[in-house]
């Protein structure tokens, strides 16, 4: 359930963001091959969830598969994710003034992976992550490792193959800073969601 809800919400948000950005930008915010590699990286992180710790409260009664619950989660958390994508797009275009497609796509590529892997820790529990509920070591390890890989790929031969370019370290303010901001807002959104629907994962 953790994996499915994360996948549908993040993918719904990202697809919405790419469609919106493609309308306004003179180039694609991310190419198909870049999107595939990006998805592969954070999917590797999410695939460690079967080894994750589970909150005791979640095990107190059998869980029910509900498409209605899945739809609520997707339509609530997906747009929130997309909103922060728009903040990133706007920052790249208006604040940093980037007009070169490859640089734009590179920042978006790395940000997308880091954002999803950090966001995974907010979504994986109804509690306060890192404080009230800790992920398993393999989930923490994969999140950190794949985030580093996502930032390093543009400097590698693979990055060159898929059209990414080395970027200045100043763009880490977007790649790392915005996901951290998302976490604080998502924590508030989580409280609102739980109060409204009386459930989380």
N, C-alpha and C. Protein backbone atom coordinates (compact mmCIF):
# COMPACT_ATOMS: atom_id res chain seq x y z
N UNK A 1 0.83 -1.20 0.00
CA UNK A 1 0.00 0.00 0.00
C UNK A 1 0.87 1.26 0.00
N UNK A 2 1.96 1.21 0.75
CA UNK A 2 2.86 2.37 0.74
C UNK A 2 3.36 2.64 -0.67
N UNK A 3 3.84 1.59 -1.31
CA UNK A 3 4.41 1.74 -2.66
C UNK A 3 3.37 2.23 -3.64
N UNK A 4 2.19 1.62 -3.62
CA UNK A 4 1.15 1.97 -4.59
C UNK A 4 0.69 3.42 -4.41
N UNK A 5 0.45 3.82 -3.17
CA UNK A 5 -0.01 5.18 -2.93
C UNK A 5 1.06 6.21 -3.30
N UNK A 6 2.31 5.88 -3.00
CA UNK A 6 3.40 6.78 -3.40
C UNK A 6 3.48 6.89 -4.91
N UNK A 7 3.42 5.74 -5.56
CA UNK A 7 3.58 5.71 -7.01
C UNK A 7 2.49 6.51 -7.71
N UNK A 8 1.24 6.29 -7.32
CA UNK A 8 0.14 6.98 -8.02
C UNK A 8 0.16 8.48 -7.73
N UNK A 9 0.48 8.87 -6.50
CA UNK A 9 0.47 10.30 -6.17
C UNK A 9 1.64 11.03 -6.82
N UNK A 10 2.86 10.45 -6.72
CA UNK A 10 4.01 11.09 -7.33
C UNK A 10 3.90 11.13 -8.85
N UNK A 11 3.46 10.02 -9.45
CA UNK A 11 3.34 9.97 -10.90
C UNK A 11 2.25 10.90 -11.41
N UNK A 12 1.13 10.96 -10.70
CA UNK A 12 0.05 11.88 -11.07
C UNK A 12 0.55 13.32 -11.02
N UNK A 13 1.28 13.65 -9.94
CA UNK A 13 1.81 14.99 -9.80
C UNK A 13 2.83 15.32 -10.87
N UNK A 14 3.72 14.38 -11.17
CA UNK A 14 4.77 14.65 -12.15
C UNK A 14 4.23 14.77 -13.56
N UNK A 15 3.29 13.89 -13.91
CA UNK A 15 2.69 13.97 -15.24
C UNK A 15 1.97 15.31 -15.41
N UNK A 16 1.24 15.73 -14.38
CA UNK A 16 0.55 17.02 -14.43
C UNK A 16 1.55 18.15 -14.62
N UNK A 17 2.66 18.08 -13.88
CA UNK A 17 3.69 19.13 -13.96
C UNK A 17 4.32 19.21 -15.35
N UNK A 18 4.64 18.05 -15.91
CA UNK A 18 5.26 18.03 -17.24
C UNK A 18 4.32 18.58 -18.29
N UNK A 19 3.04 18.24 -18.19
CA UNK A 19 2.05 18.74 -19.15
C UNK A 19 1.94 20.26 -19.05
N UNK A 20 1.81 20.76 -17.81
CA UNK A 20 1.68 22.21 -17.61
C UNK A 20 2.93 22.95 -18.09
N UNK A 21 4.10 22.44 -17.68
CA UNK A 21 5.35 23.10 -18.06
C UNK A 21 5.56 23.07 -19.57
N UNK A 22 5.17 21.99 -20.22
CA UNK A 22 5.35 21.86 -21.67
C UNK A 22 4.53 22.90 -22.44
N UNK A 23 3.45 23.36 -21.83
CA UNK A 23 2.61 24.37 -22.48
C UNK A 23 3.32 25.71 -22.53
N UNK A 24 4.05 26.03 -21.44
CA UNK A 24 4.65 27.35 -21.31
C UNK A 24 6.11 27.42 -21.75
N UNK A 25 6.82 26.31 -21.69
CA UNK A 25 8.24 26.34 -22.04
C UNK A 25 8.44 26.12 -23.54
N UNK A 26 9.50 26.67 -24.11
CA UNK A 26 9.78 26.47 -25.54
C UNK A 26 10.46 25.13 -25.82
N UNK A 27 10.62 24.30 -24.78
CA UNK A 27 11.23 22.98 -24.93
C UNK A 27 10.62 22.06 -23.87
N UNK A 28 10.86 20.76 -24.00
CA UNK A 28 10.35 19.82 -23.00
C UNK A 28 11.11 19.99 -21.69
N UNK A 29 10.41 20.03 -20.55
CA UNK A 29 11.11 20.18 -19.26
C UNK A 29 11.96 18.97 -18.94
N UNK A 30 11.63 17.83 -19.53
CA UNK A 30 12.41 16.61 -19.38
C UNK A 30 12.09 15.71 -20.57
N UNK A 31 13.11 15.07 -21.12
CA UNK A 31 12.88 14.22 -22.30
C UNK A 31 12.38 12.83 -21.87
N UNK A 32 11.78 12.08 -22.79
CA UNK A 32 11.28 10.75 -22.43
C UNK A 32 12.34 9.83 -21.83
N UNK A 33 13.55 9.81 -22.40
CA UNK A 33 14.59 8.92 -21.88
C UNK A 33 15.04 9.38 -20.49
N UNK A 34 15.11 10.69 -20.28
CA UNK A 34 15.47 11.22 -18.96
C UNK A 34 14.40 10.86 -17.93
N UNK A 35 13.15 10.94 -18.34
CA UNK A 35 12.04 10.61 -17.44
C UNK A 35 12.06 9.13 -17.05
N UNK A 36 12.42 8.28 -18.01
CA UNK A 36 12.50 6.85 -17.73
C UNK A 36 13.62 6.53 -16.74
N UNK A 37 14.79 7.15 -16.94
CA UNK A 37 15.92 6.91 -16.03
C UNK A 37 15.59 7.48 -14.65
N UNK A 38 14.98 8.65 -14.63
CA UNK A 38 14.57 9.26 -13.36
C UNK A 38 13.61 8.35 -12.60
N UNK A 39 12.60 7.85 -13.31
CA UNK A 39 11.62 6.97 -12.68
C UNK A 39 12.27 5.68 -12.18
N UNK A 40 13.23 5.18 -12.95
CA UNK A 40 13.93 3.97 -12.55
C UNK A 40 14.68 4.17 -11.24
N UNK A 41 15.32 5.33 -11.09
CA UNK A 41 16.09 5.60 -9.88
C UNK A 41 15.21 5.65 -8.64
N UNK A 42 14.11 6.42 -8.69
CA UNK A 42 13.33 6.48 -7.46
C UNK A 42 12.45 5.25 -7.27
N UNK A 43 12.23 4.49 -8.34
CA UNK A 43 11.54 3.20 -8.16
C UNK A 43 12.43 2.22 -7.42
N UNK A 44 13.75 2.28 -7.67
CA UNK A 44 14.68 1.43 -6.92
C UNK A 44 14.56 1.73 -5.42
N UNK A 45 14.43 3.03 -5.10
CA UNK A 45 14.28 3.42 -3.70
C UNK A 45 12.98 2.91 -3.10
N UNK A 46 11.90 3.03 -3.85
CA UNK A 46 10.59 2.60 -3.35
C UNK A 46 10.49 1.08 -3.25
N UNK A 47 11.28 0.38 -4.05
CA UNK A 47 11.24 -1.08 -4.00
C UNK A 47 11.84 -1.65 -2.72
N UNK A 48 12.47 -0.80 -1.92
CA UNK A 48 12.98 -1.26 -0.61
C UNK A 48 11.88 -1.23 0.45
N UNK A 49 10.71 -0.69 0.12
CA UNK A 49 9.64 -0.57 1.10
C UNK A 49 9.16 -1.89 1.70
N UNK A 50 9.21 -3.01 0.96
CA UNK A 50 8.83 -4.28 1.61
C UNK A 50 9.70 -4.62 2.82
N UNK A 51 10.88 -4.01 2.91
CA UNK A 51 11.78 -4.25 4.04
C UNK A 51 11.65 -3.17 5.10
N UNK A 52 10.68 -2.26 4.92
CA UNK A 52 10.54 -1.13 5.82
C UNK A 52 9.91 -1.56 7.15
N UNK A 53 10.15 -0.75 8.19
CA UNK A 53 9.46 -0.94 9.46
C UNK A 53 8.01 -0.51 9.30
N UNK A 54 7.13 -1.18 10.03
CA UNK A 54 5.70 -0.85 9.96
C UNK A 54 5.24 -0.40 11.34
N UNK A 55 4.50 0.71 11.39
CA UNK A 55 3.99 1.21 12.67
C UNK A 55 3.05 0.18 13.28
N UNK A 56 3.17 0.01 14.60
CA UNK A 56 2.37 -1.00 15.29
C UNK A 56 0.87 -0.79 15.11
N UNK A 57 0.44 0.48 15.07
CA UNK A 57 -0.98 0.78 14.92
C UNK A 57 -1.54 0.24 13.61
N UNK A 58 -0.69 0.19 12.60
CA UNK A 58 -1.13 -0.27 11.29
C UNK A 58 -1.40 -1.78 11.28
N UNK A 59 -0.83 -2.48 12.25
CA UNK A 59 -0.97 -3.94 12.31
C UNK A 59 -2.08 -4.40 13.25
N UNK A 60 -2.77 -3.45 13.87
CA UNK A 60 -3.77 -3.81 14.87
C UNK A 60 -5.01 -4.45 14.25
N UNK A 61 -5.31 -4.12 12.99
CA UNK A 61 -6.47 -4.73 12.34
C UNK A 61 -6.16 -4.91 10.85
N UNK A 62 -6.83 -5.85 10.21
CA UNK A 62 -6.59 -6.09 8.78
C UNK A 62 -6.89 -4.84 7.95
N UNK A 63 -6.06 -4.59 6.96
CA UNK A 63 -6.25 -3.45 6.08
C UNK A 63 -7.11 -3.85 4.88
N UNK A 64 -7.91 -2.91 4.42
CA UNK A 64 -8.84 -3.18 3.31
C UNK A 64 -8.35 -2.46 2.06
N UNK A 65 -8.29 -3.19 0.95
CA UNK A 65 -7.93 -2.58 -0.33
C UNK A 65 -9.09 -1.73 -0.81
N UNK A 66 -8.85 -0.45 -1.05
CA UNK A 66 -9.93 0.46 -1.43
C UNK A 66 -9.48 1.39 -2.55
N UNK A 67 -10.13 1.27 -3.70
CA UNK A 67 -9.82 2.17 -4.81
C UNK A 67 -10.24 3.60 -4.48
N UNK A 68 -11.29 3.73 -3.70
CA UNK A 68 -11.75 5.06 -3.29
C UNK A 68 -10.68 5.77 -2.47
N UNK A 69 -10.08 5.01 -1.54
CA UNK A 69 -9.00 5.56 -0.72
C UNK A 69 -7.80 5.94 -1.58
N UNK A 70 -7.49 5.10 -2.56
CA UNK A 70 -6.38 5.36 -3.46
C UNK A 70 -6.61 6.62 -4.27
N UNK A 71 -7.85 6.80 -4.73
CA UNK A 71 -8.21 7.99 -5.51
C UNK A 71 -8.09 9.24 -4.65
N UNK A 72 -8.60 9.18 -3.42
CA UNK A 72 -8.51 10.33 -2.52
C UNK A 72 -7.05 10.73 -2.30
N UNK A 73 -6.22 9.73 -2.06
CA UNK A 73 -4.80 9.99 -1.79
C UNK A 73 -4.13 10.61 -3.01
N UNK A 74 -4.39 10.07 -4.19
CA UNK A 74 -3.78 10.57 -5.42
C UNK A 74 -4.20 12.01 -5.70
N UNK A 75 -5.49 12.30 -5.55
CA UNK A 75 -6.00 13.63 -5.87
C UNK A 75 -5.66 14.66 -4.80
N UNK A 76 -5.24 14.19 -3.62
CA UNK A 76 -4.85 15.10 -2.54
C UNK A 76 -3.36 15.39 -2.56
N UNK A 77 -2.55 14.32 -2.59
CA UNK A 77 -1.10 14.50 -2.52
C UNK A 77 -0.47 14.78 -3.87
N UNK A 78 -1.07 14.29 -4.95
CA UNK A 78 -0.53 14.52 -6.29
C UNK A 78 -0.41 15.99 -6.64
N UNK A 79 -1.52 16.77 -6.52
CA UNK A 79 -1.45 18.20 -6.81
C UNK A 79 -0.48 18.95 -5.92
N UNK A 80 -0.33 18.50 -4.66
CA UNK A 80 0.64 19.16 -3.77
C UNK A 80 2.05 18.98 -4.31
N UNK A 81 2.36 17.77 -4.75
CA UNK A 81 3.66 17.49 -5.37
C UNK A 81 3.85 18.35 -6.62
N UNK A 82 2.79 18.45 -7.41
CA UNK A 82 2.85 19.24 -8.65
C UNK A 82 3.07 20.73 -8.36
N UNK A 83 2.48 21.21 -7.28
CA UNK A 83 2.65 22.61 -6.89
C UNK A 83 4.12 22.93 -6.65
N UNK A 84 4.83 22.03 -5.98
CA UNK A 84 6.25 22.27 -5.73
C UNK A 84 7.07 22.10 -7.00
N UNK A 85 6.61 21.27 -7.90
CA UNK A 85 7.26 21.18 -9.21
C UNK A 85 7.18 22.53 -9.91
N UNK A 86 6.03 23.18 -9.82
CA UNK A 86 5.85 24.49 -10.45
C UNK A 86 6.76 25.54 -9.81
N UNK A 87 6.97 25.41 -8.50
CA UNK A 87 7.91 26.31 -7.82
C UNK A 87 9.31 26.14 -8.38
N UNK A 88 9.68 24.87 -8.62
CA UNK A 88 11.00 24.58 -9.19
C UNK A 88 11.10 25.14 -10.61
N UNK A 89 10.10 24.88 -11.44
CA UNK A 89 10.10 25.40 -12.80
C UNK A 89 10.24 26.92 -12.80
N UNK A 90 9.46 27.58 -11.95
CA UNK A 90 9.48 29.05 -11.90
C UNK A 90 10.83 29.56 -11.42
N UNK A 91 11.41 28.88 -10.43
CA UNK A 91 12.71 29.30 -9.91
C UNK A 91 13.79 29.18 -10.98
N UNK A 92 13.78 28.06 -11.70
CA UNK A 92 14.79 27.84 -12.74
C UNK A 92 14.66 28.91 -13.82
N UNK A 93 13.43 29.22 -14.21
CA UNK A 93 13.19 30.12 -15.34
C UNK A 93 13.34 31.60 -14.95
N UNK A 94 12.70 31.99 -13.84
CA UNK A 94 12.64 33.41 -13.49
C UNK A 94 13.76 33.86 -12.56
N UNK A 95 14.11 33.04 -11.56
CA UNK A 95 15.14 33.46 -10.60
C UNK A 95 16.54 33.23 -11.15
N UNK A 96 16.79 32.02 -11.66
CA UNK A 96 18.11 31.71 -12.20
C UNK A 96 18.23 32.09 -13.67
N UNK A 97 17.11 32.37 -14.32
CA UNK A 97 17.13 32.84 -15.71
C UNK A 97 17.68 31.83 -16.70
N UNK A 98 17.46 30.55 -16.45
CA UNK A 98 18.00 29.51 -17.33
C UNK A 98 17.10 29.35 -18.55
N UNK A 99 17.72 29.43 -19.73
CA UNK A 99 16.98 29.28 -20.98
C UNK A 99 17.50 28.10 -21.80
N UNK A 100 18.57 27.48 -21.33
CA UNK A 100 19.17 26.35 -22.04
C UNK A 100 18.47 25.07 -21.63
N UNK A 101 17.92 24.36 -22.61
CA UNK A 101 17.11 23.16 -22.34
C UNK A 101 17.85 22.12 -21.51
N UNK A 102 19.11 21.84 -21.87
CA UNK A 102 19.87 20.78 -21.20
C UNK A 102 20.08 21.08 -19.72
N UNK A 103 20.37 22.33 -19.40
CA UNK A 103 20.58 22.71 -17.99
C UNK A 103 19.26 22.61 -17.23
N UNK A 104 18.20 23.11 -17.83
CA UNK A 104 16.87 23.05 -17.23
C UNK A 104 16.49 21.60 -16.93
N UNK A 105 16.68 20.74 -17.92
CA UNK A 105 16.31 19.33 -17.79
C UNK A 105 17.17 18.62 -16.74
N UNK A 106 18.43 19.01 -16.65
CA UNK A 106 19.33 18.39 -15.68
C UNK A 106 18.89 18.70 -14.25
N UNK A 107 18.57 19.97 -13.99
CA UNK A 107 18.11 20.36 -12.66
C UNK A 107 16.81 19.63 -12.32
N UNK A 108 15.91 19.58 -13.30
CA UNK A 108 14.62 18.92 -13.08
C UNK A 108 14.82 17.43 -12.84
N UNK A 109 15.73 16.82 -13.56
CA UNK A 109 16.02 15.38 -13.41
C UNK A 109 16.46 15.07 -11.98
N UNK A 110 17.48 15.78 -11.51
CA UNK A 110 18.02 15.51 -10.18
C UNK A 110 17.01 15.87 -9.10
N UNK A 111 16.33 16.99 -9.27
CA UNK A 111 15.32 17.40 -8.29
C UNK A 111 14.22 16.36 -8.16
N UNK A 112 13.74 15.82 -9.29
CA UNK A 112 12.65 14.87 -9.27
C UNK A 112 12.96 13.64 -8.45
N UNK A 113 14.18 13.13 -8.57
CA UNK A 113 14.58 11.94 -7.83
C UNK A 113 14.70 12.25 -6.34
N UNK A 114 15.43 13.32 -6.02
CA UNK A 114 15.63 13.70 -4.62
C UNK A 114 14.30 14.00 -3.94
N UNK A 115 13.44 14.72 -4.63
CA UNK A 115 12.14 15.09 -4.08
C UNK A 115 11.30 13.86 -3.74
N UNK A 116 11.24 12.91 -4.66
CA UNK A 116 10.44 11.72 -4.42
C UNK A 116 11.00 10.85 -3.30
N UNK A 117 12.32 10.76 -3.23
CA UNK A 117 12.94 9.93 -2.20
C UNK A 117 12.79 10.55 -0.81
N UNK A 118 12.87 11.87 -0.73
CA UNK A 118 12.63 12.54 0.56
C UNK A 118 11.15 12.47 0.91
N UNK A 119 10.30 12.72 -0.10
CA UNK A 119 8.86 12.67 0.13
C UNK A 119 8.39 11.29 0.57
N UNK A 120 9.10 10.26 0.14
CA UNK A 120 8.75 8.90 0.52
C UNK A 120 8.73 8.73 2.03
N UNK A 121 9.61 9.42 2.72
CA UNK A 121 9.69 9.29 4.18
C UNK A 121 8.52 9.99 4.87
N UNK A 122 7.95 11.00 4.23
CA UNK A 122 6.77 11.66 4.77
C UNK A 122 5.56 10.77 4.60
N UNK A 123 5.47 10.11 3.46
CA UNK A 123 4.29 9.32 3.12
C UNK A 123 4.29 7.95 3.79
N UNK A 124 5.45 7.40 4.09
CA UNK A 124 5.53 6.02 4.56
C UNK A 124 4.90 5.79 5.94
N UNK A 125 4.60 6.85 6.66
CA UNK A 125 4.03 6.72 8.00
C UNK A 125 3.05 7.85 8.28
N UNK A 126 2.04 7.56 9.09
CA UNK A 126 1.10 8.60 9.52
C UNK A 126 1.71 9.45 10.63
N UNK A 127 2.80 8.97 11.21
CA UNK A 127 3.47 9.68 12.30
C UNK A 127 4.48 10.69 11.76
N UNK A 128 5.19 11.32 12.69
CA UNK A 128 6.24 12.25 12.32
C UNK A 128 7.48 11.46 11.95
N UNK A 129 7.89 11.49 10.68
CA UNK A 129 9.05 10.69 10.26
C UNK A 129 10.34 11.18 10.92
N UNK A 130 11.27 10.26 11.07
CA UNK A 130 12.59 10.52 11.66
C UNK A 130 12.52 10.75 13.17
N UNK A 131 11.33 11.00 13.72
CA UNK A 131 11.19 11.26 15.15
C UNK A 131 10.32 10.20 15.81
N UNK A 132 9.06 10.12 15.36
CA UNK A 132 8.13 9.15 15.94
C UNK A 132 8.17 7.80 15.22
N UNK A 133 8.61 7.82 13.97
CA UNK A 133 8.66 6.58 13.19
C UNK A 133 9.87 6.59 12.28
N UNK A 134 10.73 5.62 12.48
CA UNK A 134 11.95 5.51 11.66
C UNK A 134 11.81 4.43 10.61
N UNK A 135 12.31 4.72 9.42
CA UNK A 135 12.34 3.72 8.37
C UNK A 135 13.42 2.69 8.69
N UNK A 136 13.39 1.59 7.96
CA UNK A 136 14.43 0.57 8.15
C UNK A 136 15.75 1.09 7.59
N UNK A 137 16.84 0.47 7.97
CA UNK A 137 18.16 0.91 7.52
C UNK A 137 18.30 0.86 6.00
N UNK A 138 17.71 -0.17 5.38
CA UNK A 138 17.85 -0.30 3.93
C UNK A 138 17.09 0.80 3.19
N UNK A 139 15.97 1.26 3.77
CA UNK A 139 15.21 2.36 3.17
C UNK A 139 16.01 3.66 3.29
N UNK A 140 16.58 3.89 4.46
CA UNK A 140 17.41 5.09 4.64
C UNK A 140 18.62 5.05 3.69
N UNK A 141 19.28 3.91 3.66
CA UNK A 141 20.48 3.77 2.85
C UNK A 141 20.18 4.00 1.36
N UNK A 142 19.10 3.38 0.86
CA UNK A 142 18.77 3.53 -0.56
C UNK A 142 18.38 4.96 -0.90
N UNK A 143 17.69 5.63 0.02
CA UNK A 143 17.28 7.02 -0.21
C UNK A 143 18.50 7.93 -0.35
N UNK A 144 19.46 7.76 0.55
CA UNK A 144 20.66 8.59 0.52
C UNK A 144 21.51 8.27 -0.71
N UNK A 145 21.71 6.98 -0.95
CA UNK A 145 22.56 6.56 -2.06
C UNK A 145 21.98 7.01 -3.41
N UNK A 146 20.69 6.79 -3.62
CA UNK A 146 20.08 7.13 -4.91
C UNK A 146 19.97 8.63 -5.10
N UNK A 147 19.83 9.39 -4.01
CA UNK A 147 19.83 10.85 -4.12
C UNK A 147 21.21 11.33 -4.60
N UNK A 148 22.26 10.74 -4.05
CA UNK A 148 23.62 11.09 -4.47
C UNK A 148 23.83 10.70 -5.93
N UNK A 149 23.34 9.52 -6.30
CA UNK A 149 23.46 9.07 -7.69
C UNK A 149 22.75 10.03 -8.63
N UNK A 150 21.55 10.47 -8.25
CA UNK A 150 20.78 11.38 -9.10
C UNK A 150 21.50 12.70 -9.33
N UNK A 151 22.20 13.18 -8.30
CA UNK A 151 22.96 14.42 -8.44
C UNK A 151 24.23 14.20 -9.24
N UNK A 152 24.80 12.98 -9.16
CA UNK A 152 26.06 12.67 -9.83
C UNK A 152 25.88 12.27 -11.30
N UNK A 153 24.73 11.73 -11.66
CA UNK A 153 24.50 11.24 -13.03
C UNK A 153 24.83 12.28 -14.10
N UNK A 154 24.42 13.55 -13.94
CA UNK A 154 24.74 14.54 -14.98
C UNK A 154 26.23 14.72 -15.25
N UNK A 155 27.06 14.32 -14.30
CA UNK A 155 28.51 14.45 -14.46
C UNK A 155 29.14 13.18 -15.03
N UNK A 156 28.30 12.22 -15.37
CA UNK A 156 28.79 10.91 -15.80
C UNK A 156 28.57 10.67 -17.29
N UNK A 157 29.10 9.56 -17.77
CA UNK A 157 28.91 9.16 -19.17
C UNK A 157 27.44 8.88 -19.46
N UNK A 158 26.73 8.27 -18.49
CA UNK A 158 25.30 8.01 -18.65
C UNK A 158 24.54 9.32 -18.82
N UNK A 159 24.89 10.32 -18.02
CA UNK A 159 24.23 11.62 -18.13
C UNK A 159 24.40 12.21 -19.52
N UNK A 160 25.62 12.08 -20.05
CA UNK A 160 25.90 12.60 -21.40
C UNK A 160 25.05 11.88 -22.44
N UNK A 161 24.88 10.58 -22.27
CA UNK A 161 24.11 9.79 -23.23
C UNK A 161 22.65 10.23 -23.28
N UNK A 162 22.07 10.53 -22.10
CA UNK A 162 20.65 10.88 -22.06
C UNK A 162 20.40 12.39 -22.13
N UNK A 163 21.45 13.15 -22.42
CA UNK A 163 21.27 14.58 -22.67
C UNK A 163 21.39 15.48 -21.47
N UNK A 164 21.94 14.99 -20.37
CA UNK A 164 22.16 15.82 -19.20
C UNK A 164 23.54 16.45 -19.27
N UNK A 165 23.72 17.54 -18.53
CA UNK A 165 25.01 18.25 -18.55
C UNK A 165 25.45 18.57 -17.12
N UNK A 166 26.76 18.67 -16.89
CA UNK A 166 27.24 19.08 -15.57
C UNK A 166 26.70 20.48 -15.22
N UNK A 167 26.28 20.67 -13.98
CA UNK A 167 25.72 21.95 -13.57
C UNK A 167 26.46 22.50 -12.36
N UNK A 168 26.30 23.79 -12.14
CA UNK A 168 26.94 24.44 -11.00
C UNK A 168 26.32 23.94 -9.70
N UNK A 169 27.13 23.86 -8.66
CA UNK A 169 26.66 23.39 -7.36
C UNK A 169 25.64 24.33 -6.73
N UNK A 170 25.55 25.57 -7.23
CA UNK A 170 24.58 26.51 -6.67
C UNK A 170 23.14 26.03 -6.89
N UNK A 171 22.94 25.19 -7.89
CA UNK A 171 21.60 24.69 -8.17
C UNK A 171 21.15 23.64 -7.17
N UNK A 172 22.08 23.23 -6.27
CA UNK A 172 21.69 22.33 -5.19
C UNK A 172 20.67 23.00 -4.27
N UNK A 173 20.63 24.33 -4.30
CA UNK A 173 19.64 25.06 -3.51
C UNK A 173 18.23 24.66 -3.93
N UNK A 174 18.05 24.39 -5.22
CA UNK A 174 16.76 23.94 -5.73
C UNK A 174 16.60 22.43 -5.52
N UNK A 175 17.64 21.70 -5.91
CA UNK A 175 17.57 20.23 -5.91
C UNK A 175 17.34 19.67 -4.51
N UNK A 176 17.93 20.28 -3.51
CA UNK A 176 17.80 19.80 -2.13
C UNK A 176 16.87 20.68 -1.30
N UNK A 177 16.95 21.98 -1.51
CA UNK A 177 16.18 22.93 -0.70
C UNK A 177 14.67 22.80 -0.86
N UNK A 178 14.21 22.72 -2.10
CA UNK A 178 12.76 22.64 -2.34
C UNK A 178 12.16 21.35 -1.78
N UNK A 179 12.81 20.17 -1.95
CA UNK A 179 12.26 18.96 -1.32
C UNK A 179 12.14 19.07 0.20
N UNK A 180 13.09 19.75 0.84
CA UNK A 180 13.01 19.93 2.29
C UNK A 180 11.81 20.81 2.64
N UNK A 181 11.60 21.87 1.86
CA UNK A 181 10.43 22.73 2.05
C UNK A 181 9.14 21.94 1.84
N UNK A 182 9.15 21.07 0.83
CA UNK A 182 7.99 20.22 0.56
C UNK A 182 7.65 19.36 1.77
N UNK A 183 8.66 18.86 2.44
CA UNK A 183 8.44 18.00 3.61
C UNK A 183 7.62 18.71 4.68
N UNK A 184 7.97 19.95 4.97
CA UNK A 184 7.24 20.70 6.01
C UNK A 184 5.79 20.94 5.61
N UNK A 185 5.58 21.28 4.35
CA UNK A 185 4.21 21.52 3.88
C UNK A 185 3.44 20.20 3.83
N UNK A 186 4.11 19.12 3.40
CA UNK A 186 3.46 17.81 3.31
C UNK A 186 3.07 17.29 4.70
N UNK A 187 3.85 17.61 5.71
CA UNK A 187 3.49 17.20 7.07
C UNK A 187 2.18 17.85 7.50
N UNK A 188 2.02 19.12 7.17
CA UNK A 188 0.75 19.81 7.47
C UNK A 188 -0.39 19.21 6.65
N UNK A 189 -0.11 18.95 5.35
CA UNK A 189 -1.13 18.37 4.48
C UNK A 189 -1.55 16.99 4.99
N UNK A 190 -0.60 16.25 5.54
CA UNK A 190 -0.90 14.93 6.07
C UNK A 190 -1.88 15.01 7.23
N UNK A 191 -1.69 15.99 8.10
CA UNK A 191 -2.61 16.17 9.22
C UNK A 191 -4.02 16.50 8.72
N UNK A 192 -4.09 17.35 7.69
CA UNK A 192 -5.39 17.72 7.12
C UNK A 192 -6.07 16.50 6.50
N UNK A 193 -5.27 15.71 5.78
CA UNK A 193 -5.81 14.52 5.12
C UNK A 193 -6.34 13.51 6.14
N UNK A 194 -5.57 13.25 7.19
CA UNK A 194 -5.98 12.29 8.22
C UNK A 194 -7.24 12.76 8.94
N UNK A 195 -7.31 14.07 9.18
CA UNK A 195 -8.49 14.62 9.84
C UNK A 195 -9.73 14.49 8.95
N UNK A 196 -9.53 14.63 7.65
CA UNK A 196 -10.65 14.59 6.70
C UNK A 196 -11.11 13.16 6.42
N UNK A 197 -10.14 12.25 6.19
CA UNK A 197 -10.49 10.90 5.76
C UNK A 197 -10.27 9.82 6.83
N UNK A 198 -9.70 10.21 7.98
CA UNK A 198 -9.48 9.29 9.10
C UNK A 198 -8.63 8.09 8.72
N UNK A 199 -7.66 8.32 7.85
CA UNK A 199 -6.73 7.26 7.43
C UNK A 199 -5.51 7.92 6.82
N UNK A 200 -4.49 7.12 6.58
CA UNK A 200 -3.33 7.61 5.84
C UNK A 200 -2.93 6.55 4.82
N UNK A 201 -2.03 5.65 5.20
CA UNK A 201 -1.64 4.58 4.29
C UNK A 201 -2.57 3.38 4.50
